[in-house]
Amino acid sequence: MLKHATYFGAMALSLAASAVLAEGETAGTVVATVGDTEITLGEMIITRAQLPQQYAQLPDDVLFAGILDQIIQQQLLADGLTETPARVNYAIQNETRSLKAGEVINTITNTAVTEEAIQAAYDERYADAEPSTEYNASHLLVETEEEALAAKARIDAGEDFGDVAREVSTGPTGPNGGNLGWFGAGQMVPEFEATVMALAVGEVSEPVKTQFGWHVVKLLETRNSEAPALEEVRQEIFGEIQEAAIQARLKELTDATQVVRPEDGAFDPALLSNLDLLGD
């Protein structure tokens, strides 16, 4: 990748090339040549677009020089290869396939994910949504009912719930006093959720058993949850529409194309690690 040390060595070449370019350049405009090989502006633009963020933030003149120098050096090295190894051809095939698939995905996305589609999906999900209750609760988790009853007795006797949870809870929230944060209906296992919903704010439950063990729960507070604004969920809706459109197109293509897969066990999965199969 680009190195700062190469920028200054290429600066003179960069400025000379810039002087040659006239107005109305296209992606096919030749910026430099290496032997008989032409280096085009399009190749440089693609290289620029693929740079890591830390390089992409550099000034344009520095990037121009560095990218041109990198491509020239790569071409000089590549010209020294008299025969292309099989592994390079396989890599080119994979890259070509990936780039072409990406272009199709872009087309699908631009067609399916319109502002109208996003608004319609938002309205379908939230327009008629009723405000719902969210709960903020803490719990402690132990293995047996006896341990849960003992912890509950300590809390009833006046010990702080969080202190007891930090001492006895085996759950991942134990170190922070058992606090679960805010959650809504359907986010907890049914037995736990029913217990929380039956509590008054500040109340501590009797031990309740779930698949994870025995819990003692304290309801800290509740609030009404309104539907989120469109901008808060735009990216989520965008992703859902995009994924649905891609999957629908893939199904169409799969249904219309004969795809032959190997039978189970036909190939040893460990073959994927055998680089020797690629040859020279």
Protein backbone atom coordinates (compact mmCIF):
# COMPACT_ATOMS: atom_id res chain seq x y z
CA MET A 1 0.00 0.00 0.00
CA LEU A 2 1.00 3.63 -0.23
CA LYS A 3 4.07 4.64 1.78
CA HIS A 4 4.83 8.21 2.75
CA ALA A 5 8.41 7.76 1.53
CA THR A 6 7.22 7.35 -2.06
CA TYR A 7 5.13 10.51 -2.21
CA PHE A 8 7.94 13.00 -2.56
CA GLY A 9 9.87 10.91 -5.04
CA ALA A 10 6.81 10.86 -7.27
CA MET A 11 5.83 14.50 -6.83
CA ALA A 12 7.74 15.80 -9.85
CA LEU A 13 6.18 13.10 -12.03
CA SER A 14 2.76 14.00 -10.64
CA LEU A 15 3.14 17.68 -11.50
CA ALA A 16 4.44 16.90 -14.97
CA ALA A 17 1.49 14.61 -15.65
CA SER A 18 -0.97 17.20 -14.39
CA ALA A 19 0.43 19.75 -16.82
CA VAL A 20 -0.25 17.42 -19.74
CA LEU A 21 -3.87 16.72 -18.84
CA ALA A 22 -6.32 18.96 -20.63
CA GLU A 23 -9.85 19.85 -19.70
CA GLY A 24 -12.45 17.14 -20.32
CA GLU A 25 -10.40 14.17 -19.11
CA THR A 26 -12.15 10.81 -19.06
CA ALA A 27 -11.46 7.58 -17.20
CA GLY A 28 -9.61 6.44 -20.31
CA THR A 29 -7.23 9.40 -20.29
CA VAL A 30 -3.64 8.13 -20.23
CA VAL A 31 -1.72 9.59 -17.29
CA ALA A 32 1.59 7.74 -17.73
CA THR A 33 3.15 4.81 -19.54
CA VAL A 34 5.41 2.02 -18.36
CA GLY A 35 7.04 0.50 -21.39
CA ASP A 36 4.11 -0.29 -23.67
CA THR A 37 1.56 -0.28 -20.84
CA GLU A 38 -0.72 2.73 -20.43
CA ILE A 39 -1.83 3.84 -16.97
CA THR A 40 -5.22 5.52 -17.12
CA LEU A 41 -7.00 8.00 -14.91
CA GLY A 42 -9.70 5.38 -14.34
CA GLU A 43 -7.19 2.99 -12.78
CA MET A 44 -6.05 5.73 -10.44
CA ILE A 45 -9.62 6.66 -9.50
CA ILE A 46 -10.40 3.04 -8.58
CA THR A 47 -7.22 2.82 -6.53
CA ARG A 48 -8.16 6.03 -4.73
CA ALA A 49 -11.65 4.70 -3.95
CA GLN A 50 -10.20 1.53 -2.41
CA LEU A 51 -7.75 3.24 -0.07
CA PRO A 52 -8.05 2.74 3.70
CA GLN A 53 -9.58 5.72 5.47
CA GLN A 54 -6.28 6.97 6.89
CA TYR A 55 -4.88 7.38 3.38
CA ALA A 56 -8.08 8.66 1.79
CA GLN A 57 -7.96 11.74 4.02
CA LEU A 58 -4.63 12.92 2.60
CA PRO A 59 -4.54 15.97 0.26
CA ASP A 60 -5.36 15.31 -3.40
CA ASP A 61 -1.90 16.26 -4.67
CA VAL A 62 -0.23 13.85 -2.25
CA LEU A 63 -2.66 11.08 -3.17
CA PHE A 64 -2.17 11.64 -6.91
CA ALA A 65 1.58 11.34 -6.55
CA GLY A 66 1.47 8.34 -4.26
CA ILE A 67 -1.12 6.41 -6.28
CA LEU A 68 0.68 7.00 -9.56
CA ASP A 69 3.98 5.95 -8.05
CA GLN A 70 2.40 2.81 -6.61
CA ILE A 71 0.84 1.78 -9.93
CA ILE A 72 4.08 2.43 -11.81
CA GLN A 73 6.05 0.33 -9.33
CA GLN A 74 3.49 -2.46 -9.52
CA GLN A 75 3.59 -2.43 -13.32
CA LEU A 76 7.40 -2.54 -13.35
CA LEU A 77 7.34 -5.57 -11.08
CA ALA A 78 4.48 -7.22 -12.97
CA ASP A 79 6.30 -6.85 -16.28
CA GLY A 80 9.06 -9.01 -14.85
CA LEU A 81 6.67 -11.96 -14.58
CA THR A 82 6.98 -14.01 -17.75
CA GLU A 83 4.28 -16.54 -16.87
CA THR A 84 1.18 -15.88 -14.74
CA PRO A 85 0.87 -18.45 -11.92
CA ALA A 86 -2.38 -20.38 -11.63
CA ARG A 87 -3.06 -18.86 -8.20
CA VAL A 88 -3.08 -15.38 -9.73
CA ASN A 89 -5.59 -16.46 -12.38
CA TYR A 90 -7.84 -17.97 -9.71
CA ALA A 91 -7.61 -14.75 -7.70
CA ILE A 92 -8.49 -12.70 -10.80
CA GLN A 93 -11.50 -14.92 -11.46
CA ASN A 94 -12.70 -14.48 -7.88
CA GLU A 95 -12.18 -10.72 -7.96
CA THR A 96 -13.96 -10.38 -11.30
CA ARG A 97 -16.90 -12.42 -10.03
CA SER A 98 -17.08 -10.37 -6.84
CA LEU A 99 -16.95 -7.02 -8.65
CA LYS A 100 -19.63 -8.04 -11.15
CA ALA A 101 -21.89 -9.32 -8.36
CA GLY A 102 -21.36 -6.06 -6.52
CA GLU A 103 -22.50 -4.09 -9.55
CA VAL A 104 -25.69 -6.15 -9.76
CA ILE A 105 -26.30 -5.62 -6.04
CA ASN A 106 -25.91 -1.87 -6.56
CA THR A 107 -28.50 -1.98 -9.33
CA ILE A 108 -30.91 -4.01 -7.21
CA THR A 109 -30.43 -1.64 -4.27
CA ASN A 110 -30.93 1.52 -6.33
CA THR A 111 -34.14 0.08 -7.77
CA ALA A 112 -35.63 -1.34 -4.58
CA VAL A 113 -34.52 1.05 -1.84
CA THR A 114 -36.29 4.25 -2.76
CA GLU A 115 -37.45 6.96 -0.39
CA GLU A 116 -41.02 5.85 -1.09
CA ALA A 117 -40.18 2.24 -0.17
CA ILE A 118 -38.49 3.31 3.06
CA GLN A 119 -41.45 5.50 4.04
CA ALA A 120 -43.93 2.73 3.22
CA ALA A 121 -42.00 0.19 5.30
CA TYR A 122 -41.81 2.65 8.19
CA ASP A 123 -45.55 3.38 8.03
CA GLU A 124 -46.39 -0.32 7.91
CA ARG A 125 -44.30 -1.00 10.99
CA TYR A 126 -44.95 2.06 13.14
CA ALA A 127 -47.88 4.16 11.90
CA ASP A 128 -50.47 2.28 13.96
CA ALA A 129 -48.12 1.21 16.73
CA GLU A 130 -49.50 1.72 20.22
CA PRO A 131 -47.18 3.02 22.94
CA SER A 132 -45.67 0.10 24.82
CA THR A 133 -44.22 -0.25 28.30
CA GLU A 134 -40.50 -0.72 28.79
CA TYR A 135 -38.94 -1.96 32.00
CA ASN A 136 -35.68 -1.23 33.78
CA ALA A 137 -34.89 -4.05 36.19
CA SER A 138 -32.10 -5.73 38.09
CA HIS A 139 -31.81 -9.40 38.93
CA LEU A 140 -29.55 -11.90 40.56
CA LEU A 141 -29.10 -15.43 39.27
CA VAL A 142 -28.16 -18.50 41.33
CA GLU A 143 -28.28 -22.24 40.79
CA THR A 144 -30.76 -23.34 43.45
CA GLU A 145 -34.02 -22.15 44.99
CA GLU A 146 -32.39 -22.27 48.43
CA GLU A 147 -29.70 -19.81 47.32
CA ALA A 148 -32.36 -17.55 45.80
CA LEU A 149 -34.43 -17.61 49.02
CA ALA A 150 -31.35 -16.80 51.08
CA ALA A 151 -30.50 -13.83 48.84
CA LYS A 152 -34.10 -12.61 48.99
CA ALA A 153 -34.05 -12.80 52.79
CA ARG A 154 -30.92 -10.61 52.91
CA ILE A 155 -32.56 -8.01 50.67
CA ASP A 156 -35.77 -8.07 52.72
CA ALA A 157 -33.66 -7.53 55.83
CA GLY A 158 -32.34 -4.27 54.36
CA GLU A 159 -29.23 -5.14 52.36
CA ASP A 160 -28.82 -3.33 49.07
CA PHE A 161 -30.03 -5.40 46.09
CA GLY A 162 -26.99 -4.48 43.99
CA ASP A 163 -24.55 -5.44 46.74
CA VAL A 164 -26.17 -8.84 47.16
CA ALA A 165 -26.24 -9.39 43.39
CA ARG A 166 -22.55 -8.53 43.09
CA GLU A 167 -21.75 -11.06 45.81
CA VAL A 168 -23.90 -14.05 44.84
CA SER A 169 -25.10 -13.71 41.24
CA THR A 170 -23.58 -16.07 38.69
CA GLY A 171 -25.02 -14.17 35.72
CA PRO A 172 -23.00 -11.82 33.48
CA THR A 173 -24.70 -8.78 35.04
CA GLY A 174 -23.58 -9.72 38.56
CA PRO A 175 -20.51 -7.42 38.59
CA ASN A 176 -22.69 -4.36 37.87
CA GLY A 177 -25.25 -5.18 40.53
CA GLY A 178 -27.50 -7.19 38.27
CA ASN A 179 -28.80 -4.27 36.23
CA LEU A 180 -30.36 -5.35 32.94
CA GLY A 181 -31.09 -1.91 31.53
CA TRP A 182 -34.24 -1.18 29.56
CA PHE A 183 -36.16 -3.92 27.77
CA GLY A 184 -39.62 -4.45 26.34
CA ALA A 185 -42.11 -7.25 25.93
CA GLY A 186 -40.74 -10.32 24.19
CA GLN A 187 -37.09 -9.65 24.98
CA MET A 188 -36.89 -11.91 28.04
CA VAL A 189 -37.88 -15.53 28.59
CA PRO A 190 -41.61 -15.83 29.43
CA GLU A 191 -41.25 -16.71 33.14
CA PHE A 192 -38.90 -13.81 33.76
CA GLU A 193 -41.01 -11.37 31.76
CA ALA A 194 -44.20 -12.32 33.60
CA THR A 195 -42.47 -11.76 36.92
CA VAL A 196 -41.22 -8.31 35.92
CA MET A 197 -44.61 -7.22 34.60
CA ALA A 198 -46.32 -8.23 37.84
CA LEU A 199 -44.02 -6.10 40.03
CA ALA A 200 -44.58 -2.58 41.24
CA VAL A 201 -41.69 -0.14 40.87
CA GLY A 202 -39.22 -0.77 43.72
CA GLU A 203 -40.66 -4.21 44.52
CA VAL A 204 -38.49 -7.33 44.76
CA SER A 205 -39.87 -10.63 43.49
CA GLU A 206 -39.96 -14.05 45.05
CA PRO A 207 -37.52 -16.51 43.46
CA VAL A 208 -38.50 -17.47 39.92
CA LYS A 209 -37.08 -20.35 37.91
CA THR A 210 -36.12 -20.14 34.22
CA GLN A 211 -33.94 -22.25 31.95
CA PHE A 212 -30.93 -20.33 33.28
CA GLY A 213 -31.48 -20.97 36.97
CA TRP A 214 -33.20 -19.18 39.85
CA HIS A 215 -33.71 -15.42 39.77
CA VAL A 216 -34.66 -12.70 42.19
CA VAL A 217 -35.83 -9.58 40.37
CA LYS A 218 -36.23 -5.92 41.33
CA LEU A 219 -38.21 -3.56 39.11
CA LEU A 220 -36.44 -0.19 39.09
CA GLU A 221 -38.69 1.91 36.82
CA THR A 222 -40.98 1.82 33.80
CA ARG A 223 -41.61 4.12 30.85
CA ASN A 224 -43.80 4.34 27.78
CA SER A 225 -42.01 3.71 24.50
CA GLU A 226 -43.16 5.74 21.51
CA ALA A 227 -42.52 4.81 17.89
CA PRO A 228 -39.02 5.93 16.81
CA ALA A 229 -38.61 8.72 14.27
CA LEU A 230 -37.95 7.63 10.69
CA GLU A 231 -34.35 8.87 10.79
CA GLU A 232 -33.64 6.72 13.84
CA VAL A 233 -34.51 3.52 11.97
CA ARG A 234 -33.71 4.56 8.40
CA GLN A 235 -30.54 2.47 8.11
CA GLU A 236 -32.25 -0.56 9.63
CA ILE A 237 -35.15 -0.30 7.19
CA PHE A 238 -32.74 0.35 4.30
CA GLY A 239 -30.87 -2.85 5.14
CA GLU A 240 -34.05 -4.90 5.42
CA ILE A 241 -35.42 -3.73 2.07
CA GLN A 242 -32.05 -4.24 0.41
CA GLU A 243 -31.64 -7.76 1.81
CA ALA A 244 -35.18 -8.74 0.83
CA ALA A 245 -34.65 -7.48 -2.73
CA ILE A 246 -31.32 -9.28 -3.08
CA GLN A 247 -32.73 -12.53 -1.75
CA ALA A 248 -35.76 -12.27 -4.05
CA ARG A 249 -33.49 -11.75 -7.07
CA LEU A 250 -31.26 -14.63 -6.01
CA LYS A 251 -34.30 -16.88 -5.79
CA GLU A 252 -35.40 -15.87 -9.28
CA LEU A 253 -31.94 -16.57 -10.65
CA THR A 254 -31.61 -19.85 -8.79
CA ASP A 255 -35.02 -21.04 -10.02
CA ALA A 256 -34.08 -20.16 -13.59
CA THR A 257 -30.57 -21.63 -13.56
CA GLN A 258 -29.32 -25.19 -13.26
CA VAL A 259 -27.00 -25.23 -10.25
CA VAL A 260 -25.17 -28.49 -9.57
CA ARG A 261 -23.69 -28.91 -6.10
CA PRO A 262 -21.45 -31.74 -4.93
CA GLU A 263 -23.00 -34.56 -2.97
CA ASP A 264 -22.40 -34.58 0.78
CA GLY A 265 -18.95 -35.98 1.53
CA ALA A 266 -17.75 -35.69 -2.06
CA PHE A 267 -14.93 -33.36 -0.99
CA ASP A 268 -12.89 -33.18 2.17
CA PRO A 269 -13.41 -29.65 3.61
CA ALA A 270 -9.75 -29.67 4.67
CA LEU A 271 -8.83 -29.33 0.98
CA LEU A 272 -9.48 -25.59 1.31
CA SER A 273 -6.26 -25.29 3.31
CA ASN A 274 -4.12 -27.13 0.77
CA LEU A 275 -2.34 -24.33 -1.08
CA ASP A 276 -0.18 -26.89 -2.87
CA LEU A 277 -3.16 -27.65 -5.13
CA LEU A 278 -2.75 -24.22 -6.73
CA GLY A 279 0.61 -25.24 -8.17
CA ASP A 280 3.16 -22.62 -9.18
